[in-house]
Amino acid sequence: MTLLHFLDRLIPYDTFLDDLAARIVKLLKSDHDDPEFVSQRKAYQMFGRRNVERWKRQGKIVPCKRPGKVEYRTSELRFLQRTVQDYFDDHPQDGRNKKIK
């Protein structure tokens, strides 16, 4: 029997895989109706304007620019939405987020 060792417990590998599979199925069901791309306006509504602008500034997403339209890939936005964010930039542009040593 293979075990995975986490900081606070040991979990059988099969249990880990079952939990992982259940989580993946849940995410697939929740996202299956998402369009491939959403407009910038819709992205702001769904994920918050400040979040989308921060992800863009940090280079985590790149908009697809078409004549008269700016769109984002929905799957990339969903991925960033589910990722734990570090809100302090390593390289602040305006000096407001300098790290204290």
N, C-alpha and C. Protein backbone atom coordinates (compact mmCIF):
# COMPACT_ATOMS: atom_id res chain seq x y z
N MET A 1 0.85 -1.17 0.00
CA MET A 1 0.00 0.00 0.00
C MET A 1 0.90 1.24 0.00
N THR A 2 0.64 2.14 -0.92
CA THR A 2 1.38 3.39 -1.01
C THR A 2 0.66 4.46 -0.19
N LEU A 3 1.44 5.21 0.58
CA LEU A 3 0.88 6.27 1.41
C LEU A 3 1.48 7.60 1.01
N LEU A 4 0.69 8.64 1.08
CA LEU A 4 1.18 9.99 0.89
C LEU A 4 1.32 10.62 2.26
N HIS A 5 2.44 11.24 2.50
CA HIS A 5 2.68 11.85 3.80
C HIS A 5 2.48 13.36 3.69
N PHE A 6 1.45 13.85 4.35
CA PHE A 6 1.22 15.28 4.46
C PHE A 6 1.73 15.71 5.83
N LEU A 7 1.82 16.99 6.05
CA LEU A 7 2.38 17.48 7.30
C LEU A 7 1.65 16.95 8.53
N ASP A 8 0.34 16.79 8.43
CA ASP A 8 -0.42 16.42 9.61
C ASP A 8 -0.99 15.00 9.58
N ARG A 9 -0.80 14.23 8.49
CA ARG A 9 -1.36 12.87 8.46
C ARG A 9 -0.83 12.08 7.26
N LEU A 10 -1.07 10.79 7.33
CA LEU A 10 -0.78 9.89 6.21
C LEU A 10 -2.11 9.53 5.56
N ILE A 11 -2.12 9.53 4.23
CA ILE A 11 -3.35 9.21 3.51
C ILE A 11 -3.03 8.13 2.48
N PRO A 12 -3.84 7.06 2.44
CA PRO A 12 -3.63 6.04 1.40
C PRO A 12 -3.76 6.66 0.01
N TYR A 13 -2.90 6.24 -0.89
CA TYR A 13 -2.87 6.78 -2.24
C TYR A 13 -4.22 6.65 -2.94
N ASP A 14 -4.89 5.52 -2.78
CA ASP A 14 -6.20 5.32 -3.42
C ASP A 14 -7.23 6.33 -2.90
N THR A 15 -7.20 6.63 -1.62
CA THR A 15 -8.10 7.63 -1.05
C THR A 15 -7.82 9.00 -1.65
N PHE A 16 -6.53 9.33 -1.76
CA PHE A 16 -6.14 10.60 -2.37
C PHE A 16 -6.66 10.69 -3.80
N LEU A 17 -6.47 9.64 -4.59
CA LEU A 17 -6.94 9.64 -5.98
C LEU A 17 -8.45 9.77 -6.08
N ASP A 18 -9.18 9.08 -5.21
CA ASP A 18 -10.64 9.18 -5.21
C ASP A 18 -11.09 10.61 -4.91
N ASP A 19 -10.47 11.22 -3.91
CA ASP A 19 -10.82 12.60 -3.57
C ASP A 19 -10.47 13.56 -4.70
N LEU A 20 -9.31 13.34 -5.31
CA LEU A 20 -8.89 14.18 -6.43
C LEU A 20 -9.86 14.04 -7.61
N ALA A 21 -10.22 12.81 -7.94
CA ALA A 21 -11.15 12.57 -9.05
C ALA A 21 -12.51 13.23 -8.78
N ALA A 22 -12.98 13.13 -7.55
CA ALA A 22 -14.27 13.76 -7.21
C ALA A 22 -14.19 15.26 -7.36
N ARG A 23 -13.09 15.84 -6.96
CA ARG A 23 -12.92 17.30 -7.09
C ARG A 23 -12.86 17.72 -8.56
N ILE A 24 -12.15 16.96 -9.37
CA ILE A 24 -12.06 17.27 -10.80
C ILE A 24 -13.43 17.19 -11.46
N VAL A 25 -14.20 16.16 -11.16
CA VAL A 25 -15.55 16.02 -11.72
C VAL A 25 -16.42 17.21 -11.32
N LYS A 26 -16.33 17.62 -10.07
CA LYS A 26 -17.11 18.76 -9.59
C LYS A 26 -16.74 20.04 -10.36
N LEU A 27 -15.45 20.27 -10.57
CA LEU A 27 -15.01 21.46 -11.31
C LEU A 27 -15.46 21.40 -12.77
N LEU A 28 -15.36 20.23 -13.37
CA LEU A 28 -15.81 20.09 -14.76
C LEU A 28 -17.30 20.37 -14.91
N LYS A 29 -18.09 19.88 -13.96
CA LYS A 29 -19.53 20.12 -14.01
C LYS A 29 -19.85 21.61 -13.83
N SER A 30 -19.12 22.27 -12.95
CA SER A 30 -19.41 23.69 -12.70
C SER A 30 -18.99 24.58 -13.87
N ASP A 31 -18.02 24.14 -14.68
CA ASP A 31 -17.49 24.97 -15.77
C ASP A 31 -17.96 24.56 -17.16
N HIS A 32 -18.75 23.50 -17.28
CA HIS A 32 -19.05 22.97 -18.60
C HIS A 32 -19.87 23.92 -19.48
N ASP A 33 -20.58 24.87 -18.91
CA ASP A 33 -21.36 25.81 -19.71
C ASP A 33 -20.62 27.11 -20.03
N ASP A 34 -19.39 27.24 -19.55
CA ASP A 34 -18.62 28.46 -19.81
C ASP A 34 -18.26 28.56 -21.29
N PRO A 35 -18.38 29.76 -21.86
CA PRO A 35 -17.90 29.94 -23.24
C PRO A 35 -16.38 29.94 -23.26
N GLU A 36 -15.79 29.73 -24.43
CA GLU A 36 -14.32 29.70 -24.53
C GLU A 36 -13.72 31.06 -24.19
N PHE A 37 -14.37 32.13 -24.69
CA PHE A 37 -13.90 33.49 -24.43
C PHE A 37 -15.04 34.32 -23.85
N VAL A 38 -14.69 35.31 -23.01
CA VAL A 38 -15.66 36.28 -22.51
C VAL A 38 -15.13 37.67 -22.80
N SER A 39 -16.05 38.61 -23.00
CA SER A 39 -15.65 40.00 -23.23
C SER A 39 -15.03 40.57 -21.97
N GLN A 40 -14.31 41.65 -22.12
CA GLN A 40 -13.69 42.30 -20.97
C GLN A 40 -14.75 42.72 -19.96
N ARG A 41 -15.85 43.25 -20.43
CA ARG A 41 -16.94 43.67 -19.54
C ARG A 41 -17.48 42.49 -18.74
N LYS A 42 -17.69 41.36 -19.42
CA LYS A 42 -18.19 40.17 -18.74
C LYS A 42 -17.15 39.63 -17.75
N ALA A 43 -15.88 39.67 -18.13
CA ALA A 43 -14.81 39.23 -17.23
C ALA A 43 -14.80 40.08 -15.96
N TYR A 44 -14.98 41.40 -16.12
CA TYR A 44 -15.04 42.28 -14.96
C TYR A 44 -16.21 41.92 -14.06
N GLN A 45 -17.36 41.60 -14.65
CA GLN A 45 -18.54 41.23 -13.87
C GLN A 45 -18.35 39.91 -13.14
N MET A 46 -17.75 38.93 -13.82
CA MET A 46 -17.62 37.59 -13.26
C MET A 46 -16.51 37.48 -12.21
N PHE A 47 -15.39 38.17 -12.43
CA PHE A 47 -14.21 37.96 -11.61
C PHE A 47 -13.75 39.21 -10.86
N GLY A 48 -14.39 40.33 -11.12
CA GLY A 48 -14.01 41.57 -10.46
C GLY A 48 -12.99 42.34 -11.29
N ARG A 49 -13.28 43.60 -11.53
CA ARG A 49 -12.41 44.43 -12.37
C ARG A 49 -10.98 44.48 -11.84
N ARG A 50 -10.84 44.68 -10.54
CA ARG A 50 -9.49 44.79 -9.97
C ARG A 50 -8.70 43.49 -10.12
N ASN A 51 -9.37 42.36 -9.97
CA ASN A 51 -8.69 41.07 -10.15
C ASN A 51 -8.19 40.93 -11.58
N VAL A 52 -9.07 41.18 -12.55
CA VAL A 52 -8.70 41.03 -13.97
C VAL A 52 -7.57 41.99 -14.31
N GLU A 53 -7.65 43.23 -13.87
CA GLU A 53 -6.60 44.20 -14.17
C GLU A 53 -5.28 43.81 -13.50
N ARG A 54 -5.34 43.28 -12.27
CA ARG A 54 -4.12 42.84 -11.58
C ARG A 54 -3.48 41.66 -12.31
N TRP A 55 -4.29 40.68 -12.70
CA TRP A 55 -3.76 39.52 -13.42
C TRP A 55 -3.14 39.95 -14.74
N LYS A 56 -3.75 40.90 -15.40
CA LYS A 56 -3.22 41.40 -16.67
C LYS A 56 -1.90 42.12 -16.43
N ARG A 57 -1.84 42.98 -15.41
CA ARG A 57 -0.63 43.73 -15.09
C ARG A 57 0.51 42.79 -14.72
N GLN A 58 0.19 41.72 -14.01
CA GLN A 58 1.20 40.75 -13.59
C GLN A 58 1.59 39.78 -14.71
N GLY A 59 0.93 39.88 -15.85
CA GLY A 59 1.25 39.02 -16.98
C GLY A 59 0.68 37.62 -16.87
N LYS A 60 -0.28 37.41 -15.97
CA LYS A 60 -0.87 36.09 -15.79
C LYS A 60 -1.94 35.78 -16.83
N ILE A 61 -2.52 36.82 -17.42
CA ILE A 61 -3.45 36.65 -18.53
C ILE A 61 -3.11 37.65 -19.61
N VAL A 62 -3.39 37.29 -20.82
CA VAL A 62 -3.16 38.18 -21.96
C VAL A 62 -4.48 38.28 -22.71
N PRO A 63 -5.00 39.49 -22.86
CA PRO A 63 -6.27 39.62 -23.58
C PRO A 63 -6.11 39.32 -25.06
N CYS A 64 -7.18 38.83 -25.65
CA CYS A 64 -7.24 38.62 -27.09
C CYS A 64 -7.93 39.84 -27.67
N LYS A 65 -7.19 40.62 -28.43
CA LYS A 65 -7.75 41.85 -28.97
C LYS A 65 -8.22 41.62 -30.39
N ARG A 66 -9.48 41.96 -30.61
CA ARG A 66 -10.10 41.86 -31.93
C ARG A 66 -10.66 43.24 -32.26
N PRO A 67 -10.96 43.51 -33.49
CA PRO A 67 -11.49 44.83 -33.83
C PRO A 67 -12.72 45.18 -32.99
N GLY A 68 -12.58 46.19 -32.17
CA GLY A 68 -13.68 46.66 -31.35
C GLY A 68 -13.98 45.80 -30.12
N LYS A 69 -13.13 44.81 -29.83
CA LYS A 69 -13.39 43.89 -28.72
C LYS A 69 -12.11 43.51 -28.01
N VAL A 70 -12.22 43.34 -26.71
CA VAL A 70 -11.14 42.76 -25.90
C VAL A 70 -11.76 41.57 -25.17
N GLU A 71 -11.18 40.40 -25.35
CA GLU A 71 -11.72 39.19 -24.75
C GLU A 71 -10.64 38.45 -23.97
N TYR A 72 -11.09 37.60 -23.05
CA TYR A 72 -10.20 36.77 -22.25
C TYR A 72 -10.66 35.33 -22.33
N ARG A 73 -9.70 34.42 -22.27
CA ARG A 73 -10.02 32.99 -22.27
C ARG A 73 -10.60 32.65 -20.89
N THR A 74 -11.82 32.14 -20.86
CA THR A 74 -12.52 31.86 -19.62
C THR A 74 -11.78 30.85 -18.75
N SER A 75 -11.20 29.83 -19.36
CA SER A 75 -10.49 28.80 -18.57
C SER A 75 -9.31 29.39 -17.81
N GLU A 76 -8.61 30.37 -18.42
CA GLU A 76 -7.49 31.01 -17.73
C GLU A 76 -7.98 31.84 -16.54
N LEU A 77 -9.10 32.53 -16.73
CA LEU A 77 -9.67 33.32 -15.64
C LEU A 77 -10.13 32.41 -14.50
N ARG A 78 -10.76 31.30 -14.82
CA ARG A 78 -11.20 30.35 -13.79
C ARG A 78 -10.00 29.79 -13.01
N PHE A 79 -8.93 29.48 -13.74
CA PHE A 79 -7.73 28.96 -13.09
C PHE A 79 -7.18 29.99 -12.09
N LEU A 80 -7.08 31.23 -12.51
CA LEU A 80 -6.57 32.28 -11.61
C LEU A 80 -7.51 32.52 -10.44
N GLN A 81 -8.81 32.41 -10.68
CA GLN A 81 -9.80 32.57 -9.62
C GLN A 81 -9.59 31.53 -8.52
N ARG A 82 -9.19 30.33 -8.91
CA ARG A 82 -9.04 29.23 -7.96
C ARG A 82 -7.64 29.14 -7.36
N THR A 83 -6.73 30.00 -7.81
CA THR A 83 -5.36 29.98 -7.34
C THR A 83 -5.19 30.95 -6.18
N VAL A 84 -4.49 30.51 -5.14
CA VAL A 84 -4.20 31.41 -4.02
C VAL A 84 -3.29 32.51 -4.55
N GLN A 85 -3.68 33.76 -4.31
CA GLN A 85 -2.96 34.90 -4.87
C GLN A 85 -1.99 35.50 -3.86
N ASP A 86 -0.87 35.99 -4.37
CA ASP A 86 0.05 36.79 -3.58
C ASP A 86 -0.20 38.23 -3.99
N TYR A 87 -0.82 38.99 -3.12
CA TYR A 87 -1.24 40.34 -3.48
C TYR A 87 -0.12 41.36 -3.39
N PHE A 88 1.05 40.95 -2.96
CA PHE A 88 2.18 41.86 -2.91
C PHE A 88 3.10 41.55 -4.07
N ASP A 89 3.20 42.49 -4.98
CA ASP A 89 4.05 42.35 -6.15
C ASP A 89 5.51 42.26 -5.74
N ASP A 90 6.28 41.37 -6.36
CA ASP A 90 7.71 41.32 -6.10
C ASP A 90 8.43 42.52 -6.69
N HIS A 91 7.88 43.07 -7.76
CA HIS A 91 8.49 44.21 -8.43
C HIS A 91 7.46 45.33 -8.55
N PRO A 92 7.25 46.09 -7.47
CA PRO A 92 6.22 47.13 -7.51
C PRO A 92 6.56 48.18 -8.55
N GLN A 93 5.54 48.61 -9.28
CA GLN A 93 5.74 49.61 -10.32
C GLN A 93 5.71 51.03 -9.77
N ASP A 94 4.93 51.25 -8.74
CA ASP A 94 4.79 52.62 -8.24
C ASP A 94 5.41 52.82 -6.86
N GLY A 95 6.04 51.79 -6.30
CA GLY A 95 6.72 51.94 -5.03
C GLY A 95 5.84 51.79 -3.80
N ARG A 96 4.53 51.61 -3.97
CA ARG A 96 3.62 51.52 -2.81
C ARG A 96 3.73 50.18 -2.11
N ASN A 97 4.13 49.11 -2.82
CA ASN A 97 4.13 47.78 -2.23
C ASN A 97 5.55 47.30 -1.90
N LYS A 98 6.42 48.18 -1.52
CA LYS A 98 7.79 47.77 -1.21
C LYS A 98 7.79 46.86 0.01
N LYS A 99 8.65 45.83 -0.08
CA LYS A 99 8.78 44.92 1.05
C LYS A 99 9.66 45.54 2.11
N ILE A 100 9.27 45.33 3.35
CA ILE A 100 10.02 45.85 4.49
C ILE A 100 11.02 44.79 4.92
N LYS A 101 12.26 45.18 5.05
CA LYS A 101 13.30 44.22 5.46
C LYS A 101 13.69 44.44 6.90
